Amino acid sequence: MESFKYLKEENGKYILKNQSVMNFCLGVGCIAIAGLIIIKNPSSIGAIAFAIIVAGLGVMILYGMKSQTVFEPSSRTVTFRNRNNATIYSFDDFQTFSMTKVKQVGITTNNMLYMVFEKNGKSMPHLIRQYGPVAKKAQQLYDEIESVMNSK
């Protein structure tokens, strides 16, 4: 059995490890910043509106911590779960991986790894993970997912 850095194995299923510490810190940080904005500018309508937007962003980040991506080699499916629903794709619907690099002034600031599925004639990209300026971690995750999808 292989040891994976980004996937954990439970009962023959491989679950993508969430970046829960980072998401928690970002979510709580946004809410704290919104609180500070309101404390510093309690009478400014623009500041209060901006604080509400920042707090909403923090709540959405905390809300997204429950999302899960599950790979099941035995049934050859990938399940994308959030709090409300689950979307299931077959390995046969899988088309390709896509890596998007965001550059600002010639400097890479963000890398995003997507899985692209084709279902009912529509191409459906699903974000797997975002990374900072270094693409090596995204490549490692790609290698792990590819080995799970090619196993069994």
N, C-alpha and C. Protein backbone atom coordinates (compact mmCIF):
# COMPACT_ATOMS: atom_id res chain seq x y z
N MET A 1 0.84 -1.19 0.00
CA MET A 1 0.00 0.00 0.00
C MET A 1 0.88 1.24 0.00
N GLU A 2 0.49 2.19 -0.82
CA GLU A 2 1.26 3.43 -0.90
C GLU A 2 0.87 4.37 0.23
N SER A 3 1.82 5.19 0.60
CA SER A 3 1.56 6.24 1.58
C SER A 3 1.41 7.55 0.82
N PHE A 4 0.30 8.23 1.04
CA PHE A 4 0.03 9.47 0.32
C PHE A 4 0.13 10.66 1.25
N LYS A 5 0.55 11.78 0.69
CA LYS A 5 0.67 13.01 1.47
C LYS A 5 -0.64 13.80 1.47
N TYR A 6 -1.37 13.79 0.36
CA TYR A 6 -2.56 14.61 0.22
C TYR A 6 -3.87 13.83 0.30
N LEU A 7 -3.80 12.51 0.27
CA LEU A 7 -4.99 11.67 0.34
C LEU A 7 -4.89 10.75 1.55
N LYS A 8 -6.02 10.52 2.21
CA LYS A 8 -6.03 9.53 3.30
C LYS A 8 -6.96 8.39 2.90
N GLU A 9 -6.56 7.18 3.24
CA GLU A 9 -7.29 5.99 2.83
C GLU A 9 -8.16 5.52 3.98
N GLU A 10 -9.46 5.32 3.69
CA GLU A 10 -10.40 4.77 4.66
C GLU A 10 -11.30 3.77 3.96
N ASN A 11 -11.21 2.52 4.34
CA ASN A 11 -12.06 1.45 3.81
C ASN A 11 -12.06 1.39 2.28
N GLY A 12 -10.91 1.50 1.69
CA GLY A 12 -10.81 1.42 0.23
C GLY A 12 -11.17 2.70 -0.49
N LYS A 13 -11.50 3.75 0.24
CA LYS A 13 -11.80 5.05 -0.35
C LYS A 13 -10.65 6.00 -0.03
N TYR A 14 -10.37 6.88 -0.95
CA TYR A 14 -9.30 7.86 -0.75
C TYR A 14 -9.94 9.25 -0.66
N ILE A 15 -9.74 9.90 0.48
CA ILE A 15 -10.34 11.20 0.75
C ILE A 15 -9.26 12.26 0.68
N LEU A 16 -9.52 13.31 -0.09
CA LEU A 16 -8.58 14.42 -0.19
C LEU A 16 -8.55 15.17 1.13
N LYS A 17 -7.36 15.31 1.70
CA LYS A 17 -7.23 16.02 2.97
C LYS A 17 -7.53 17.51 2.76
N ASN A 18 -8.37 18.06 3.62
CA ASN A 18 -8.71 19.48 3.54
C ASN A 18 -7.62 20.32 4.17
N GLN A 19 -7.54 21.55 3.74
CA GLN A 19 -6.62 22.51 4.34
C GLN A 19 -7.38 23.23 5.45
N SER A 20 -7.79 22.46 6.47
CA SER A 20 -8.71 22.99 7.47
C SER A 20 -8.09 24.07 8.35
N VAL A 21 -6.82 23.96 8.70
CA VAL A 21 -6.20 24.99 9.56
C VAL A 21 -6.13 26.31 8.81
N MET A 22 -5.72 26.27 7.56
CA MET A 22 -5.65 27.50 6.77
C MET A 22 -7.04 28.11 6.58
N ASN A 23 -8.03 27.28 6.25
CA ASN A 23 -9.38 27.79 6.05
C ASN A 23 -9.95 28.37 7.34
N PHE A 24 -9.70 27.71 8.46
CA PHE A 24 -10.20 28.23 9.73
C PHE A 24 -9.56 29.58 10.05
N CYS A 25 -8.26 29.68 9.87
CA CYS A 25 -7.56 30.95 10.14
C CYS A 25 -8.05 32.06 9.22
N LEU A 26 -8.23 31.76 7.94
CA LEU A 26 -8.74 32.77 7.01
C LEU A 26 -10.16 33.21 7.37
N GLY A 27 -11.02 32.25 7.68
CA GLY A 27 -12.40 32.57 8.02
C GLY A 27 -12.52 33.40 9.29
N VAL A 28 -11.84 32.97 10.34
CA VAL A 28 -11.87 33.71 11.60
C VAL A 28 -11.18 35.07 11.43
N GLY A 29 -10.11 35.11 10.66
CA GLY A 29 -9.42 36.37 10.41
C GLY A 29 -10.31 37.38 9.70
N CYS A 30 -11.08 36.92 8.71
CA CYS A 30 -12.01 37.82 8.02
C CYS A 30 -13.07 38.37 8.97
N ILE A 31 -13.60 37.50 9.81
CA ILE A 31 -14.61 37.95 10.76
C ILE A 31 -14.02 38.93 11.77
N ALA A 32 -12.78 38.67 12.21
CA ALA A 32 -12.12 39.59 13.14
C ALA A 32 -11.85 40.95 12.49
N ILE A 33 -11.42 40.94 11.24
CA ILE A 33 -11.18 42.20 10.53
C ILE A 33 -12.49 42.98 10.38
N ALA A 34 -13.58 42.27 10.09
CA ALA A 34 -14.88 42.93 9.99
C ALA A 34 -15.27 43.57 11.32
N GLY A 35 -14.99 42.87 12.42
CA GLY A 35 -15.27 43.43 13.74
C GLY A 35 -14.45 44.68 14.01
N LEU A 36 -13.18 44.64 13.64
CA LEU A 36 -12.33 45.82 13.83
C LEU A 36 -12.79 47.00 12.98
N ILE A 37 -13.23 46.73 11.78
CA ILE A 37 -13.74 47.81 10.91
C ILE A 37 -14.95 48.48 11.56
N ILE A 38 -15.85 47.68 12.11
CA ILE A 38 -17.04 48.24 12.75
C ILE A 38 -16.67 49.00 14.02
N ILE A 39 -15.71 48.49 14.79
CA ILE A 39 -15.29 49.18 16.02
C ILE A 39 -14.65 50.52 15.69
N LYS A 40 -13.80 50.55 14.67
CA LYS A 40 -13.09 51.79 14.32
C LYS A 40 -13.99 52.82 13.65
N ASN A 41 -14.97 52.38 12.87
CA ASN A 41 -15.84 53.29 12.11
C ASN A 41 -17.31 52.95 12.35
N PRO A 42 -17.82 53.13 13.55
CA PRO A 42 -19.20 52.71 13.82
C PRO A 42 -20.27 53.57 13.13
N SER A 43 -19.93 54.78 12.70
CA SER A 43 -20.94 55.64 12.12
C SER A 43 -20.87 55.72 10.59
N SER A 44 -19.86 55.13 9.99
CA SER A 44 -19.70 55.19 8.54
C SER A 44 -20.47 54.05 7.87
N ILE A 45 -21.42 54.41 7.04
CA ILE A 45 -22.24 53.40 6.36
C ILE A 45 -21.40 52.58 5.39
N GLY A 46 -20.46 53.23 4.69
CA GLY A 46 -19.58 52.52 3.76
C GLY A 46 -18.71 51.50 4.47
N ALA A 47 -18.18 51.87 5.63
CA ALA A 47 -17.34 50.95 6.40
C ALA A 47 -18.15 49.77 6.91
N ILE A 48 -19.36 50.03 7.34
CA ILE A 48 -20.22 48.95 7.84
C ILE A 48 -20.58 48.00 6.69
N ALA A 49 -20.88 48.55 5.52
CA ALA A 49 -21.18 47.70 4.36
C ALA A 49 -19.97 46.84 3.99
N PHE A 50 -18.78 47.45 4.00
CA PHE A 50 -17.56 46.70 3.70
C PHE A 50 -17.33 45.61 4.75
N ALA A 51 -17.59 45.92 6.02
CA ALA A 51 -17.42 44.94 7.10
C ALA A 51 -18.37 43.77 6.92
N ILE A 52 -19.58 44.05 6.48
CA ILE A 52 -20.55 42.97 6.25
C ILE A 52 -20.07 42.07 5.12
N ILE A 53 -19.51 42.66 4.07
CA ILE A 53 -18.99 41.86 2.95
C ILE A 53 -17.82 40.99 3.41
N VAL A 54 -16.90 41.57 4.20
CA VAL A 54 -15.74 40.81 4.69
C VAL A 54 -16.20 39.70 5.64
N ALA A 55 -17.16 40.00 6.51
CA ALA A 55 -17.67 38.97 7.43
C ALA A 55 -18.37 37.86 6.64
N GLY A 56 -19.11 38.23 5.60
CA GLY A 56 -19.75 37.22 4.76
C GLY A 56 -18.74 36.31 4.08
N LEU A 57 -17.64 36.89 3.63
CA LEU A 57 -16.56 36.10 3.05
C LEU A 57 -16.00 35.11 4.08
N GLY A 58 -15.80 35.58 5.31
CA GLY A 58 -15.31 34.71 6.38
C GLY A 58 -16.26 33.56 6.68
N VAL A 59 -17.56 33.85 6.69
CA VAL A 59 -18.55 32.81 6.94
C VAL A 59 -18.55 31.79 5.80
N MET A 60 -18.43 32.27 4.55
CA MET A 60 -18.38 31.34 3.41
C MET A 60 -17.15 30.45 3.47
N ILE A 61 -16.02 30.99 3.90
CA ILE A 61 -14.81 30.18 4.02
C ILE A 61 -15.01 29.11 5.09
N LEU A 62 -15.58 29.48 6.23
CA LEU A 62 -15.84 28.51 7.29
C LEU A 62 -16.87 27.47 6.84
N TYR A 63 -17.86 27.90 6.10
CA TYR A 63 -18.89 27.01 5.58
C TYR A 63 -18.29 25.98 4.62
N GLY A 64 -17.31 26.40 3.84
CA GLY A 64 -16.69 25.51 2.86
C GLY A 64 -15.75 24.48 3.45
N MET A 65 -15.49 24.55 4.74
CA MET A 65 -14.57 23.60 5.37
C MET A 65 -15.11 22.17 5.36
N LYS A 66 -16.40 22.00 5.19
CA LYS A 66 -17.00 20.67 5.23
C LYS A 66 -17.00 19.97 3.87
N SER A 67 -16.46 20.61 2.84
CA SER A 67 -16.45 19.98 1.52
C SER A 67 -15.44 18.82 1.51
N GLN A 68 -15.74 17.82 0.70
CA GLN A 68 -14.90 16.63 0.62
C GLN A 68 -14.84 16.14 -0.82
N THR A 69 -13.69 15.60 -1.18
CA THR A 69 -13.53 14.92 -2.46
C THR A 69 -13.12 13.49 -2.16
N VAL A 70 -13.92 12.53 -2.62
CA VAL A 70 -13.69 11.12 -2.31
C VAL A 70 -13.48 10.35 -3.61
N PHE A 71 -12.38 9.61 -3.67
CA PHE A 71 -12.08 8.75 -4.82
C PHE A 71 -12.33 7.31 -4.39
N GLU A 72 -13.16 6.59 -5.16
CA GLU A 72 -13.46 5.19 -4.87
C GLU A 72 -13.00 4.32 -6.03
N PRO A 73 -11.78 3.74 -5.94
CA PRO A 73 -11.29 2.92 -7.05
C PRO A 73 -12.12 1.67 -7.29
N SER A 74 -12.74 1.10 -6.24
CA SER A 74 -13.52 -0.12 -6.42
C SER A 74 -14.75 0.11 -7.29
N SER A 75 -15.45 1.23 -7.09
CA SER A 75 -16.62 1.53 -7.91
C SER A 75 -16.29 2.49 -9.06
N ARG A 76 -15.02 2.92 -9.14
CA ARG A 76 -14.53 3.82 -10.18
C ARG A 76 -15.33 5.12 -10.24
N THR A 77 -15.50 5.76 -9.06
CA THR A 77 -16.23 7.02 -9.00
C THR A 77 -15.45 8.06 -8.20
N VAL A 78 -15.77 9.31 -8.48
CA VAL A 78 -15.26 10.45 -7.71
C VAL A 78 -16.49 11.19 -7.19
N THR A 79 -16.51 11.47 -5.89
CA THR A 79 -17.63 12.18 -5.28
C THR A 79 -17.15 13.51 -4.73
N PHE A 80 -17.80 14.59 -5.16
CA PHE A 80 -17.53 15.93 -4.64
C PHE A 80 -18.68 16.26 -3.70
N ARG A 81 -18.40 16.37 -2.40
CA ARG A 81 -19.43 16.60 -1.40
C ARG A 81 -19.26 17.97 -0.76
N ASN A 82 -20.39 18.63 -0.53
CA ASN A 82 -20.39 19.78 0.37
C ASN A 82 -21.50 19.54 1.38
N ARG A 83 -21.87 20.54 2.14
CA ARG A 83 -22.87 20.32 3.20
C ARG A 83 -24.22 19.88 2.64
N ASN A 84 -24.60 20.38 1.49
CA ASN A 84 -25.97 20.16 1.02
C ASN A 84 -26.14 19.03 0.03
N ASN A 85 -25.15 18.78 -0.81
CA ASN A 85 -25.35 17.76 -1.83
C ASN A 85 -24.02 17.10 -2.20
N ALA A 86 -24.14 16.08 -3.03
CA ALA A 86 -22.96 15.38 -3.52
C ALA A 86 -23.10 15.20 -5.03
N THR A 87 -22.00 15.41 -5.73
CA THR A 87 -21.96 15.20 -7.17
C THR A 87 -21.03 14.03 -7.44
N ILE A 88 -21.54 13.03 -8.15
CA ILE A 88 -20.77 11.81 -8.39
C ILE A 88 -20.46 11.70 -9.88
N TYR A 89 -19.19 11.46 -10.17
CA TYR A 89 -18.74 11.25 -11.54
C TYR A 89 -18.03 9.90 -11.63
N SER A 90 -18.16 9.27 -12.76
CA SER A 90 -17.44 8.04 -13.04
C SER A 90 -16.04 8.38 -13.53
N PHE A 91 -15.10 7.47 -13.29
CA PHE A 91 -13.76 7.65 -13.85
C PHE A 91 -13.83 7.73 -15.37
N ASP A 92 -14.86 7.09 -15.96
CA ASP A 92 -15.00 7.10 -17.41
C ASP A 92 -15.38 8.49 -17.94
N ASP A 93 -16.00 9.32 -17.08
CA ASP A 93 -16.37 10.69 -17.47
C ASP A 93 -15.17 11.64 -17.38
N PHE A 94 -14.10 11.19 -16.74
CA PHE A 94 -12.93 12.04 -16.55
C PHE A 94 -12.26 12.33 -17.89
N GLN A 95 -11.95 13.62 -18.12
CA GLN A 95 -11.29 14.01 -19.37
C GLN A 95 -9.82 14.32 -19.15
N THR A 96 -9.53 15.26 -18.25
CA THR A 96 -8.15 15.69 -18.07
C THR A 96 -8.00 16.47 -16.76
N PHE A 97 -6.76 16.68 -16.40
CA PHE A 97 -6.43 17.61 -15.33
C PHE A 97 -6.10 18.95 -15.98
N SER A 98 -6.39 20.01 -15.28
CA SER A 98 -6.06 21.33 -15.79
C SER A 98 -5.41 22.13 -14.67
N MET A 99 -4.28 22.75 -14.99
CA MET A 99 -3.63 23.59 -14.00
C MET A 99 -3.62 25.01 -14.51
N THR A 100 -4.17 25.90 -13.72
CA THR A 100 -4.25 27.31 -14.09
C THR A 100 -3.28 28.10 -13.23
N LYS A 101 -2.46 28.89 -13.87
CA LYS A 101 -1.54 29.76 -13.15
C LYS A 101 -2.01 31.20 -13.28
N VAL A 102 -2.06 31.88 -12.16
CA VAL A 102 -2.43 33.30 -12.16
C VAL A 102 -1.14 34.09 -12.02
N LYS A 103 -0.90 34.96 -13.00
CA LYS A 103 0.31 35.78 -12.98
C LYS A 103 -0.07 37.24 -12.88
N GLN A 104 0.68 37.96 -12.08
CA GLN A 104 0.52 39.40 -11.97
C GLN A 104 1.89 40.03 -12.16
N VAL A 105 2.01 40.88 -13.12
CA VAL A 105 3.26 41.56 -13.47
C VAL A 105 4.37 40.52 -13.71
N GLY A 106 4.03 39.42 -14.37
CA GLY A 106 5.01 38.41 -14.70
C GLY A 106 5.39 37.46 -13.58
N ILE A 107 4.78 37.61 -12.41
CA ILE A 107 5.09 36.75 -11.26
C ILE A 107 3.89 35.86 -10.97
N THR A 108 4.13 34.55 -10.87
CA THR A 108 3.05 33.62 -10.57
C THR A 108 2.62 33.82 -9.12
N THR A 109 1.34 34.10 -8.91
CA THR A 109 0.83 34.32 -7.56
C THR A 109 -0.05 33.19 -7.06
N ASN A 110 -0.57 32.36 -7.97
CA ASN A 110 -1.49 31.31 -7.56
C ASN A 110 -1.51 30.21 -8.60
N ASN A 111 -1.62 28.96 -8.15
CA ASN A 111 -1.79 27.80 -9.01
C ASN A 111 -3.05 27.08 -8.58
N MET A 112 -3.88 26.68 -9.54
CA MET A 112 -5.10 25.96 -9.23
C MET A 112 -5.15 24.66 -10.04
N LEU A 113 -5.45 23.55 -9.38
CA LEU A 113 -5.54 22.26 -10.03
C LEU A 113 -7.00 21.87 -10.16
N TYR A 114 -7.44 21.61 -11.40
CA TYR A 114 -8.81 21.22 -11.68
C TYR A 114 -8.85 19.81 -12.24
N MET A 115 -9.97 19.12 -12.02
CA MET A 115 -10.29 17.89 -12.74
C MET A 115 -11.44 18.25 -13.67
N VAL A 116 -11.32 17.86 -14.93
CA VAL A 116 -12.36 18.18 -15.91
C VAL A 116 -13.09 16.89 -16.27
N PHE A 117 -14.42 16.92 -16.13
CA PHE A 117 -15.27 15.79 -16.47
C PHE A 117 -16.19 16.21 -17.61
N GLU A 118 -16.61 15.23 -18.40
CA GLU A 118 -17.58 15.50 -19.45
C GLU A 118 -18.80 14.64 -19.18
N LYS A 119 -19.91 15.31 -18.93
CA LYS A 119 -21.16 14.60 -18.63
C LYS A 119 -22.27 15.23 -19.46
N ASN A 120 -23.02 14.40 -20.15
CA ASN A 120 -24.13 14.85 -21.01
C ASN A 120 -23.66 15.89 -22.03
N GLY A 121 -22.45 15.72 -22.54
CA GLY A 121 -21.92 16.61 -23.55
C GLY A 121 -21.39 17.94 -23.03
N LYS A 122 -21.41 18.12 -21.71
CA LYS A 122 -20.91 19.36 -21.11
C LYS A 122 -19.60 19.10 -20.39
N SER A 123 -18.68 20.03 -20.52
CA SER A 123 -17.41 19.96 -19.83
C SER A 123 -17.58 20.61 -18.45
N MET A 124 -17.26 19.88 -17.39
CA MET A 124 -17.47 20.37 -16.03
C MET A 124 -16.17 20.33 -15.24
N PRO A 125 -15.53 21.49 -15.05
CA PRO A 125 -14.31 21.52 -14.24
C PRO A 125 -14.63 21.60 -12.76
N HIS A 126 -13.87 20.88 -11.95
CA HIS A 126 -14.01 20.92 -10.49
C HIS A 126 -12.67 21.26 -9.88
N LEU A 127 -12.65 22.31 -9.09
CA LEU A 127 -11.43 22.74 -8.42
C LEU A 127 -11.05 21.70 -7.36
N ILE A 128 -9.81 21.23 -7.44
CA ILE A 128 -9.33 20.26 -6.46
C ILE A 128 -8.59 20.99 -5.34
N ARG A 129 -7.66 21.86 -5.69
CA ARG A 129 -6.88 22.55 -4.67
C ARG A 129 -6.21 23.76 -5.26
N GLN A 130 -6.00 24.79 -4.44
CA GLN A 130 -5.25 25.97 -4.82
C GLN A 130 -3.93 25.98 -4.06
N TYR A 131 -2.92 26.45 -4.73
CA TYR A 131 -1.61 26.57 -4.11
C TYR A 131 -1.07 27.97 -4.37
N GLY A 132 -0.02 28.29 -3.68
CA GLY A 132 0.65 29.57 -3.89
C GLY A 132 1.45 29.55 -5.18
N PRO A 133 2.56 30.26 -5.20
CA PRO A 133 3.31 30.43 -6.46
C PRO A 133 4.07 29.19 -6.92
N VAL A 134 4.19 28.16 -6.09
CA VAL A 134 4.99 26.99 -6.46
C VAL A 134 4.07 25.89 -7.00
N ALA A 135 4.40 25.34 -8.17
CA ALA A 135 3.57 24.33 -8.82
C ALA A 135 3.94 22.90 -8.41
N LYS A 136 5.01 22.72 -7.64
CA LYS A 136 5.48 21.38 -7.30
C LYS A 136 4.45 20.60 -6.48
N LYS A 137 3.80 21.25 -5.52
CA LYS A 137 2.81 20.57 -4.69
C LYS A 137 1.61 20.14 -5.52
N ALA A 138 1.19 20.97 -6.44
CA ALA A 138 0.08 20.61 -7.32
C ALA A 138 0.45 19.40 -8.18
N GLN A 139 1.68 19.33 -8.61
CA GLN A 139 2.15 18.18 -9.39
C GLN A 139 2.15 16.92 -8.55
N GLN A 140 2.54 17.02 -7.27
CA GLN A 140 2.53 15.87 -6.37
C GLN A 140 1.11 15.37 -6.14
N LEU A 141 0.16 16.30 -5.94
CA LEU A 141 -1.24 15.91 -5.77
C LEU A 141 -1.76 15.26 -7.04
N TYR A 142 -1.42 15.81 -8.18
CA TYR A 142 -1.81 15.23 -9.47
C TYR A 142 -1.31 13.78 -9.56
N ASP A 143 -0.06 13.54 -9.20
CA ASP A 143 0.52 12.20 -9.26
C ASP A 143 -0.23 11.24 -8.33
N GLU A 144 -0.58 11.70 -7.12
CA GLU A 144 -1.31 10.84 -6.17
C GLU A 144 -2.69 10.48 -6.72
N ILE A 145 -3.42 11.47 -7.23
CA ILE A 145 -4.76 11.22 -7.75
C ILE A 145 -4.68 10.29 -8.95
N GLU A 146 -3.70 10.49 -9.81
CA GLU A 146 -3.55 9.63 -10.98
C GLU A 146 -3.27 8.19 -10.58
N SER A 147 -2.43 7.99 -9.55
CA SER A 147 -2.15 6.61 -9.13
C SER A 147 -3.36 5.95 -8.50
N VAL A 148 -4.20 6.71 -7.80
CA VAL A 148 -5.44 6.15 -7.23
C VAL A 148 -6.42 5.81 -8.35
N MET A 149 -6.55 6.68 -9.33
CA MET A 149 -7.50 6.43 -10.42
C MET A 149 -7.05 5.27 -11.31
N ASN A 150 -5.75 5.01 -11.37
CA ASN A 150 -5.25 3.91 -12.20
C ASN A 150 -5.14 2.61 -11.43
N SER A 151 -5.37 2.63 -10.10
CA SER A 151 -5.29 1.40 -9.32
C SER A 151 -6.60 0.62 -9.43
N LYS A 152 -6.52 -0.65 -9.21
CA LYS A 152 -7.65 -1.58 -9.23
C LYS A 152 -8.37 -1.56 -10.54
